[in-house]
Amino acid sequence: MSEIITKIDNTVTKYKMITAGDIIVAGVSGGADSMLLLNYLISVKSKFDIRIIVANVEHGIRGAESKNDTEFVRRFCEKNGVEFHCLEIDAVGGAKRAGIGVEEYSRNVRYEFFNSLGGTKVATAHNLSDNVETVIFRLARGTSLNGCRGIPPVRDNIIRPLIECSSDEIRSYCSENGIDFVVDSTNFDDKYTRNYIRNKLIHDFEHINPSFLTAFNRFISSANEDNDFLTEYALSEYKKCVDDKGIIISRLKSLDKSIQKRIVINYLKQHNLAVDELHLNEILSLCDRNGKSQIKGSFFAVSSNNYLKVASFAENERFCCKITERKLLPRSQFLMNCELLTKKFDFYCDYDKIDGEIGIRQRKEGDFVRPLGRNCTKSLKKLFNELKVPTEKRNSIPIIFDSKGVLGVLGYCIDERAAMSDTTKNVLLIKVAFYTKPEEIF
């Protein structure tokens, strides 16, 4: 048995890639890597009692050349009795419509196609050279230890049996053993970053160290081990640092910064959010002060009262409406209802003291209130600070107002001028409740 096949066998065994009865969808482009992958799967088909499905994607980029590649794979499958499926796409047009890069769009479509074919596993032909190229690319752009992990041998249902074989080894084996393959002409165009890394940078490194790929792969393996340890440790600390209110700042600050970062990254991930290194450091700086930092759109990282949390501020989406009927307040989870009573009631305001139309809205710059019984006028900002109202909740608190200004802050205070007295004849009852289910309101 050849050295490369032994290497593939060892990889498959080490990572438990194939189990008896698997239905394996193999992504095959016709290149040397994917043709070796397909030939290997055929060779172990009986041993593992597996079913092989070949999936080929024609990206519509290289014209007749890529169509010929697809036909090459189709003929091979027919000759060897392997199930074949092809998907033709317009990668350039699709990427433009989706607003993403061609490579990202193509990758997304490929994996969606692979997973649609009903296999238990998806096998791709990523190899050692691809892995090294990926990490060099990330290092050049700036990455963390996690980014140095490279392409995982197994992720979910995806297996990569060739991940420990170099491109040169693969091409040599194919040539020596009569395995035909096609060559993508764009692989030689160094205007593509990955090609430049493959054709120029790696060759330059090999002048310094002929075993560069093997040496760099050892670095990737070492990074994996270190990162796995740190990730596990961070996960155990995450459980101690995070509760339903957010991240407990005092506990977070007691940890090493590398663990702090992992905890914050994991917390953001729970909210489907991600940030770069610069922004991550900015968020961590909030642990030393109360404040907020925008993450994305209306989402902010907020620190207050020993908690670091994610909050949504719809600052550019104000709500303001007349108080005339039962309604769900715009862009909020508050349901409003109002009714006029002809006798004194232990709620909110003297109807006859209202000046002009009455409405409900969010707070705005310049809002002041004279809370009943406090004998002083305060800005809403100062009032909220005194009452320790969380920063992220302040824009969602309903403010009752008339033509003269604030009448009350729902749930917190009523303005002195709108308060009821012994002479009150008509009381305006305004009911505002946090909206959960319709049957639970009022």
Protein backbone atom coordinates (compact mmCIF):
# COMPACT_ATOMS: atom_id res chain seq x y z
CA MET A 1 0.00 0.00 0.00
CA SER A 2 1.35 3.45 -0.92
CA GLU A 3 2.37 5.98 1.71
CA ILE A 4 -0.41 8.45 0.83
CA ILE A 5 -3.17 5.83 1.04
CA THR A 6 -1.83 4.74 4.43
CA LYS A 7 -1.91 8.38 5.49
CA ILE A 8 -5.55 8.74 4.37
CA ASP A 9 -6.49 5.49 6.16
CA ASN A 10 -4.88 6.76 9.36
CA THR A 11 -6.71 10.09 9.09
CA VAL A 12 -10.06 8.36 8.54
CA THR A 13 -9.44 6.08 11.53
CA LYS A 14 -8.07 8.80 13.85
CA TYR A 15 -11.04 11.09 13.33
CA LYS A 16 -13.65 8.29 12.95
CA MET A 17 -14.75 9.78 9.64
CA ILE A 18 -16.56 6.78 8.19
CA THR A 19 -18.89 4.32 9.88
CA ALA A 20 -20.56 1.25 8.45
CA GLY A 21 -23.62 2.02 6.33
CA ASP A 22 -22.79 5.68 5.74
CA ILE A 23 -24.23 7.47 2.71
CA ILE A 24 -21.36 9.75 1.67
CA VAL A 25 -21.94 12.74 -0.60
CA ALA A 26 -18.58 13.54 -2.19
CA GLY A 27 -17.95 16.98 -3.64
CA VAL A 28 -16.08 16.28 -6.88
CA SER A 29 -14.88 18.99 -9.26
CA GLY A 30 -12.65 16.74 -11.37
CA GLY A 31 -9.36 18.11 -10.01
CA ALA A 32 -6.62 15.84 -8.67
CA ASP A 33 -7.72 16.25 -5.02
CA SER A 34 -11.36 15.36 -5.56
CA MET A 35 -10.57 12.52 -7.99
CA LEU A 36 -8.24 10.92 -5.43
CA LEU A 37 -10.97 11.35 -2.81
CA LEU A 38 -13.52 9.65 -5.06
CA ASN A 39 -11.16 6.80 -5.96
CA TYR A 40 -10.38 6.28 -2.27
CA LEU A 41 -14.07 6.13 -1.34
CA ILE A 42 -14.70 3.60 -4.11
CA SER A 43 -11.79 1.49 -2.80
CA VAL A 44 -13.25 1.31 0.74
CA LYS A 45 -16.88 1.02 -0.36
CA SER A 46 -17.12 -2.71 0.40
CA LYS A 47 -15.05 -2.47 3.58
CA PHE A 48 -17.41 0.05 5.16
CA ASP A 49 -20.58 -0.92 3.26
CA ILE A 50 -21.08 2.68 2.18
CA ARG A 51 -23.11 4.28 -0.58
CA ILE A 52 -21.40 7.03 -2.58
CA ILE A 53 -23.18 10.01 -4.15
CA VAL A 54 -21.11 12.38 -6.27
CA ALA A 55 -22.10 16.07 -6.25
CA ASN A 56 -20.67 18.44 -8.85
CA VAL A 57 -21.31 22.19 -9.07
CA GLU A 58 -20.82 24.04 -12.36
CA HIS A 59 -20.32 27.67 -11.32
CA GLY A 60 -20.84 29.27 -14.73
CA ILE A 61 -17.52 31.15 -14.49
CA ARG A 62 -15.10 29.36 -16.83
CA GLY A 63 -17.43 28.77 -19.76
CA ALA A 64 -16.75 25.66 -21.85
CA GLU A 65 -13.83 24.60 -19.65
CA SER A 66 -15.96 24.11 -16.54
CA LYS A 67 -18.70 22.37 -18.55
CA ASN A 68 -16.06 19.96 -19.86
CA ASP A 69 -14.90 19.33 -16.28
CA THR A 70 -18.46 18.45 -15.27
CA GLU A 71 -18.76 16.10 -18.24
CA PHE A 72 -15.47 14.45 -17.25
CA VAL A 73 -16.82 13.70 -13.75
CA ARG A 74 -20.14 12.50 -15.17
CA ARG A 75 -18.40 10.00 -17.49
CA PHE A 76 -16.20 8.70 -14.67
CA CYS A 77 -19.27 8.09 -12.48
CA GLU A 78 -21.13 6.31 -15.29
CA LYS A 79 -18.11 4.09 -15.93
CA ASN A 80 -17.75 3.19 -12.24
CA GLY A 81 -21.45 2.89 -11.37
CA VAL A 82 -21.50 5.86 -8.99
CA GLU A 83 -24.60 8.02 -8.52
CA PHE A 84 -24.02 11.49 -10.00
CA HIS A 85 -25.75 14.84 -9.44
CA CYS A 86 -24.87 18.21 -10.95
CA LEU A 87 -26.01 21.72 -10.08
CA GLU A 88 -25.45 24.61 -12.50
CA ILE A 89 -25.35 28.10 -10.99
CA ASP A 90 -24.55 31.67 -11.97
CA ALA A 91 -22.00 32.33 -9.23
CA VAL A 92 -21.18 35.90 -10.26
CA GLY A 93 -24.81 36.98 -10.68
CA GLY A 94 -25.94 35.16 -7.55
CA ALA A 95 -23.21 36.75 -5.45
CA LYS A 96 -24.14 40.20 -6.72
CA ARG A 97 -27.81 39.67 -5.88
CA ALA A 98 -26.92 38.35 -2.42
CA GLY A 99 -24.50 41.20 -1.78
CA ILE A 100 -21.58 38.89 -0.90
CA GLY A 101 -18.37 37.71 -2.56
CA VAL A 102 -18.36 35.09 -5.31
CA GLU A 103 -16.31 32.66 -3.22
CA GLU A 104 -18.62 32.95 -0.20
CA TYR A 105 -21.75 32.65 -2.34
CA SER A 106 -20.38 29.60 -4.19
CA ARG A 107 -19.39 27.89 -0.93
CA ASN A 108 -22.83 28.48 0.59
CA VAL A 109 -24.60 27.10 -2.49
CA ARG A 110 -22.27 24.08 -2.69
CA TYR A 111 -22.88 22.97 0.88
CA GLU A 112 -26.61 23.58 0.59
CA PHE A 113 -26.60 21.37 -2.52
CA PHE A 114 -24.46 18.68 -0.85
CA ASN A 115 -26.77 18.54 2.17
CA SER A 116 -29.87 18.33 -0.03
CA LEU A 117 -28.82 14.95 -1.43
CA GLY A 118 -29.69 12.97 1.68
CA GLY A 119 -26.29 11.72 2.78
CA THR A 120 -25.18 11.00 6.33
CA LYS A 121 -21.76 12.52 5.60
CA VAL A 122 -20.36 15.10 3.17
CA ALA A 123 -16.78 14.43 2.02
CA THR A 124 -14.68 17.27 0.61
CA ALA A 125 -11.16 17.11 -0.83
CA HIS A 126 -9.52 19.83 1.28
CA ASN A 127 -5.89 18.91 1.82
CA LEU A 128 -2.83 19.93 3.85
CA SER A 129 -1.86 22.63 1.34
CA ASP A 130 -5.38 24.12 1.49
CA ASN A 131 -5.12 24.15 5.28
CA VAL A 132 -1.79 25.99 5.28
CA GLU A 133 -3.04 28.48 2.66
CA THR A 134 -6.11 29.20 4.78
CA VAL A 135 -4.09 29.97 7.93
CA ILE A 136 -1.55 32.12 6.04
CA PHE A 137 -4.45 34.04 4.50
CA ARG A 138 -5.98 34.64 7.94
CA LEU A 139 -2.64 35.65 9.45
CA ALA A 140 -2.08 38.16 6.66
CA ARG A 141 -5.48 39.74 7.33
CA GLY A 142 -5.14 39.54 11.11
CA THR A 143 -6.53 36.73 13.24
CA SER A 144 -6.55 35.23 16.73
CA LEU A 145 -5.30 31.87 17.97
CA ASN A 146 -8.71 30.49 17.05
CA GLY A 147 -8.15 31.57 13.44
CA CYS A 148 -4.90 29.58 13.35
CA ARG A 149 -6.81 26.34 13.81
CA GLY A 150 -7.24 26.02 10.07
CA ILE A 151 -9.69 23.68 8.36
CA PRO A 152 -11.01 21.04 10.79
CA PRO A 153 -10.73 17.39 9.67
CA VAL A 154 -14.33 16.87 10.82
CA ARG A 155 -17.04 19.47 11.39
CA ASP A 156 -20.62 18.35 11.99
CA ASN A 157 -21.34 15.95 9.09
CA ILE A 158 -18.42 17.15 6.93
CA ILE A 159 -15.33 14.92 6.64
CA ARG A 160 -12.00 15.71 4.95
CA PRO A 161 -9.99 12.48 4.47
CA LEU A 162 -7.15 14.21 2.54
CA ILE A 163 -6.49 16.92 5.14
CA GLU A 164 -3.03 15.52 6.01
CA CYS A 165 -1.87 15.07 2.39
CA SER A 166 -0.15 17.82 0.39
CA SER A 167 -1.19 18.88 -3.11
CA ASP A 168 2.15 17.67 -4.51
CA GLU A 169 1.68 14.23 -2.93
CA ILE A 170 -1.83 14.01 -4.35
CA ARG A 171 -0.85 14.99 -7.90
CA SER A 172 2.13 12.63 -7.88
CA TYR A 173 0.01 9.71 -6.70
CA CYS A 174 -2.66 10.39 -9.33
CA SER A 175 -0.06 10.60 -12.13
CA GLU A 176 1.76 7.45 -11.00
CA ASN A 177 -1.43 5.41 -10.60
CA GLY A 178 -3.34 6.39 -13.73
CA ILE A 179 -5.98 8.52 -12.01
CA ASP A 180 -7.06 11.08 -14.58
CA PHE A 181 -7.98 14.58 -13.48
CA VAL A 182 -8.69 18.01 -14.95
CA VAL A 183 -6.79 21.23 -14.33
CA ASP A 184 -8.56 24.51 -13.54
CA SER A 185 -6.76 27.17 -15.59
CA THR A 186 -7.66 29.90 -13.06
CA ASN A 187 -5.43 28.15 -10.48
CA PHE A 188 -2.43 29.78 -12.17
CA ASP A 189 -3.80 33.33 -12.07
CA ASP A 190 -2.00 35.09 -9.21
CA LYS A 191 -4.49 37.97 -9.14
CA TYR A 192 -6.50 35.70 -6.84
CA THR A 193 -5.08 35.93 -3.31
CA ARG A 194 -5.19 32.20 -2.61
CA ASN A 195 -3.36 31.46 -5.85
CA TYR A 196 -0.68 34.02 -4.93
CA ILE A 197 -0.23 32.34 -1.55
CA ARG A 198 -0.09 28.89 -3.18
CA ASN A 199 2.08 29.72 -6.18
CA LYS A 200 4.40 32.35 -4.69
CA LEU A 201 4.47 32.62 -0.90
CA ILE A 202 4.54 28.92 -0.05
CA HIS A 203 7.24 28.29 -2.67
CA ASP A 204 9.31 31.11 -1.14
CA PHE A 205 8.94 29.58 2.32
CA GLU A 206 9.99 26.21 0.91
CA HIS A 207 13.27 27.80 -0.19
CA ILE A 208 13.90 28.53 3.50
CA ASN A 209 12.57 25.16 4.68
CA PRO A 210 11.82 22.41 2.13
CA SER A 211 9.53 20.82 4.74
CA PHE A 212 7.62 24.06 5.28
CA LEU A 213 4.15 22.51 4.83
CA THR A 214 4.84 19.82 7.41
CA ALA A 215 6.40 22.31 9.82
CA PHE A 216 3.55 24.78 9.43
CA ASN A 217 1.04 21.98 9.94
CA ARG A 218 2.73 21.24 13.28
CA PHE A 219 2.12 24.87 14.22
CA ILE A 220 -1.57 24.49 13.27
CA SER A 221 -1.83 21.32 15.40
CA SER A 222 -0.19 23.09 18.33
CA ALA A 223 -2.55 26.06 17.94
CA ASN A 224 -5.46 23.60 17.94
CA GLU A 225 -4.33 22.00 21.20
CA ASP A 226 -3.79 25.34 22.94
CA ASN A 227 -7.04 26.77 21.65
CA ASP A 228 -9.03 23.69 22.69
CA PHE A 229 -7.66 23.96 26.24
CA LEU A 230 -8.39 27.68 26.49
CA THR A 231 -11.87 27.20 25.01
CA GLU A 232 -12.75 24.49 27.55
CA TYR A 233 -11.44 26.60 30.42
CA ALA A 234 -13.33 29.66 29.17
CA LEU A 235 -16.52 27.60 28.94
CA SER A 236 -16.23 26.53 32.58
CA GLU A 237 -15.67 30.16 33.62
CA TYR A 238 -18.52 31.33 31.37
CA LYS A 239 -20.98 29.39 33.49
CA LYS A 240 -19.75 31.24 36.59
CA CYS A 241 -19.70 34.68 34.96
CA VAL A 242 -23.00 34.77 33.07
CA ASP A 243 -26.56 34.76 34.35
CA ASP A 244 -29.89 35.87 32.91
CA LYS A 245 -28.94 39.55 33.39
CA GLY A 246 -25.70 39.32 31.41
CA ILE A 247 -21.99 39.01 32.22
CA ILE A 248 -21.06 39.77 35.84
CA ILE A 249 -18.27 42.33 35.40
CA SER A 250 -16.51 41.76 38.74
CA ARG A 251 -16.11 38.04 37.96
CA LEU A 252 -15.07 38.69 34.37
CA LYS A 253 -12.35 41.15 35.44
CA SER A 254 -10.82 38.56 37.79
CA LEU A 255 -9.88 36.42 34.77
CA ASP A 256 -6.99 36.64 32.31
CA LYS A 257 -7.75 38.85 29.31
CA SER A 258 -7.62 35.93 26.84
CA ILE A 259 -10.37 34.20 28.83
CA GLN A 260 -12.35 37.45 29.11
CA LYS A 261 -12.33 37.73 25.33
CA ARG A 262 -13.56 34.19 24.84
CA ILE A 263 -16.37 34.69 27.33
CA VAL A 264 -17.52 37.90 25.61
CA ILE A 265 -17.27 36.28 22.15
CA ASN A 266 -19.36 33.33 23.34
CA TYR A 267 -21.90 35.65 24.97
CA LEU A 268 -22.25 37.67 21.75
CA LYS A 269 -22.61 34.43 19.79
CA GLN A 270 -25.67 33.57 21.91
CA HIS A 271 -27.19 36.78 20.49
CA ASN A 272 -26.09 35.93 16.90
CA LEU A 273 -23.52 38.74 17.02
CA ALA A 274 -19.81 38.85 16.23
CA VAL A 275 -17.11 41.53 16.41
CA ASP A 276 -13.50 41.98 15.33
CA GLU A 277 -10.53 42.24 17.72
CA LEU A 278 -10.60 46.04 17.86
CA HIS A 279 -14.28 46.15 18.74
CA LEU A 280 -13.86 43.33 21.24
CA ASN A 281 -11.28 45.39 23.14
CA GLU A 282 -13.62 48.38 23.08
CA ILE A 283 -16.42 46.27 24.58
CA LEU A 284 -14.07 44.99 27.30
CA SER A 285 -13.16 48.59 28.17
CA LEU A 286 -16.79 49.03 29.28
CA CYS A 287 -15.92 46.87 32.29
CA ASP A 288 -14.17 49.93 33.75
CA ARG A 289 -17.03 52.37 33.26
CA ASN A 290 -20.77 52.60 32.70
CA GLY A 291 -21.58 53.15 29.05
CA LYS A 292 -22.40 51.51 25.75
CA SER A 293 -20.70 50.57 22.50
CA GLN A 294 -22.50 49.85 19.23
CA ILE A 295 -22.09 46.30 17.95
CA LYS A 296 -24.31 46.25 14.90
CA GLY A 297 -27.37 48.25 13.86
CA SER A 298 -29.50 48.82 16.95
CA PHE A 299 -27.51 46.34 19.06
CA PHE A 300 -25.17 47.71 21.73
CA ALA A 301 -22.93 46.32 24.43
CA VAL A 302 -23.99 48.07 27.65
CA SER A 303 -22.33 48.16 31.06
CA SER A 304 -24.19 49.21 34.20
CA ASN A 305 -24.65 47.99 37.76
CA ASN A 306 -21.82 45.42 37.50
CA TYR A 307 -23.28 43.83 34.36
CA LEU A 308 -22.12 43.76 30.75
CA LYS A 309 -24.99 42.87 28.43
CA VAL A 310 -26.40 43.14 24.92
CA ALA A 311 -29.28 45.55 24.44
CA SER A 312 -31.24 46.87 21.49
CA PHE A 313 -31.68 50.63 21.19
CA ALA A 314 -34.11 51.71 18.48
CA GLU A 315 -32.88 55.30 18.85
CA ASN A 316 -33.83 56.31 15.34
CA GLU A 317 -37.25 54.72 15.55
CA ARG A 318 -39.25 56.87 17.90
CA PHE A 319 -42.85 56.16 18.77
CA CYS A 320 -45.38 58.89 19.48
CA CYS A 321 -49.17 58.63 19.30
CA LYS A 322 -52.32 60.22 20.67
CA ILE A 323 -53.97 58.54 23.62
CA THR A 324 -57.38 57.78 22.18
CA GLU A 325 -57.81 54.01 22.16
CA ARG A 326 -56.49 50.58 23.05
CA LYS A 327 -53.43 49.86 20.90
CA LEU A 328 -50.02 48.21 20.79
CA LEU A 329 -47.41 50.96 20.89
CA PRO A 330 -45.33 51.15 17.69
CA ARG A 331 -42.00 49.29 17.75
CA SER A 332 -42.48 48.20 21.35
CA GLN A 333 -44.01 45.43 23.44
CA PHE A 334 -46.37 47.71 25.35
CA LEU A 335 -50.14 47.61 24.96
CA MET A 336 -52.02 50.82 25.85
CA ASN A 337 -55.60 51.32 26.91
CA CYS A 338 -57.38 54.38 28.32
CA GLU A 339 -60.81 55.23 29.70
CA LEU A 340 -62.44 58.31 31.26
CA LEU A 341 -63.89 57.83 34.76
CA THR A 342 -66.52 60.11 36.33
CA LYS A 343 -65.35 59.47 39.87
CA LYS A 344 -62.02 59.65 41.62
CA PHE A 345 -59.79 56.62 40.96
CA ASP A 346 -56.41 55.75 42.45
CA PHE A 347 -54.53 56.11 39.16
CA TYR A 348 -52.53 58.62 37.24
CA CYS A 349 -53.88 62.03 36.30
CA ASP A 350 -56.51 64.69 36.70
CA TYR A 351 -58.19 64.84 33.30
CA ASP A 352 -59.14 68.51 33.65
CA LYS A 353 -55.49 69.54 34.15
CA ILE A 354 -54.41 68.22 30.75
CA ASP A 355 -53.44 71.01 28.36
CA GLY A 356 -54.37 70.31 24.73
CA GLU A 357 -53.99 66.80 23.33
CA ILE A 358 -52.44 64.04 25.37
CA GLY A 359 -50.02 61.54 23.86
CA ILE A 360 -47.53 58.80 24.61
CA ARG A 361 -43.97 58.52 23.31
CA GLN A 362 -40.39 57.69 24.15
CA ARG A 363 -38.20 60.15 26.04
CA LYS A 364 -36.46 62.91 24.11
CA GLU A 365 -33.77 65.49 24.72
CA GLY A 366 -34.98 68.29 27.00
CA ASP A 367 -37.62 66.26 28.86
CA PHE A 368 -38.13 67.39 32.46
CA VAL A 369 -40.55 66.22 35.13
CA ARG A 370 -41.54 67.48 38.59
CA PRO A 371 -42.24 64.19 40.42
CA LEU A 372 -45.14 64.30 42.86
CA GLY A 373 -43.88 64.74 46.41
CA ARG A 374 -40.27 65.52 45.43
CA ASN A 375 -40.63 69.34 45.33
CA CYS A 376 -38.04 69.69 42.57
CA THR A 377 -37.77 69.52 38.79
CA LYS A 378 -35.47 66.92 37.22
CA SER A 379 -34.37 65.94 33.75
CA LEU A 380 -35.48 62.43 32.83
CA LYS A 381 -31.82 61.44 32.52
CA LYS A 382 -31.15 62.46 36.11
CA LEU A 383 -34.35 60.79 37.31
CA PHE A 384 -33.42 57.52 35.60
CA ASN A 385 -29.90 57.69 37.05
CA GLU A 386 -31.28 58.17 40.57
CA LEU A 387 -33.72 55.30 40.13
CA LYS A 388 -30.98 53.10 38.60
CA VAL A 389 -33.05 52.40 35.50
CA PRO A 390 -30.91 50.21 33.16
CA THR A 391 -29.59 52.25 30.23
CA GLU A 392 -30.95 49.84 27.64
CA LYS A 393 -34.52 50.15 28.99
CA ARG A 394 -34.76 53.95 29.06
CA ASN A 395 -35.83 54.46 25.45
CA SER A 396 -38.64 51.93 25.78
CA ILE A 397 -40.30 53.50 28.85
CA PRO A 398 -43.57 55.21 27.80
CA ILE A 399 -43.75 58.95 28.55
CA ILE A 400 -47.20 60.58 28.87
CA PHE A 401 -47.22 64.18 27.66
CA ASP A 402 -49.46 67.09 26.69
CA SER A 403 -48.77 70.46 25.04
CA LYS A 404 -46.95 71.75 28.13
CA GLY A 405 -44.61 68.77 28.53
CA VAL A 406 -44.27 65.56 30.51
CA LEU A 407 -47.28 64.44 32.55
CA GLY A 408 -45.79 61.21 33.81
CA VAL A 409 -43.22 58.47 33.38
CA LEU A 410 -45.10 55.19 33.25
CA GLY A 411 -44.20 52.94 36.14
CA TYR A 412 -42.01 55.58 37.83
CA CYS A 413 -43.72 58.89 38.59
CA ILE A 414 -46.46 61.39 37.77
CA ASP A 415 -45.80 65.10 37.30
CA GLU A 416 -47.05 67.29 40.15
CA ARG A 417 -49.23 69.43 37.86
CA ALA A 418 -51.25 66.41 36.68
CA ALA A 419 -51.75 64.87 40.10
CA MET A 420 -55.22 64.34 41.51
CA SER A 421 -56.49 66.38 44.43
CA ASP A 422 -59.60 66.73 46.59
CA THR A 423 -61.18 68.87 43.89
CA THR A 424 -60.59 66.35 41.08
CA LYS A 425 -63.80 65.52 39.22
CA ASN A 426 -62.55 63.53 36.23
CA VAL A 427 -59.71 61.04 36.26
CA LEU A 428 -57.99 59.74 33.15
CA LEU A 429 -57.03 56.11 33.65
CA ILE A 430 -54.26 55.03 31.33
CA LYS A 431 -53.39 51.35 31.43
CA VAL A 432 -50.09 50.31 29.90
CA ALA A 433 -48.92 46.72 30.31
CA PHE A 434 -45.98 44.75 28.96
CA TYR A 435 -47.43 42.78 26.05
CA THR A 436 -47.12 39.00 26.28
CA LYS A 437 -50.29 37.26 25.11
CA PRO A 438 -53.52 39.06 24.19
CA GLU A 439 -55.57 37.12 26.73
CA GLU A 440 -53.25 38.24 29.55
CA ILE A 441 -53.80 41.97 28.96
CA PHE A 442 -56.28 43.82 31.19
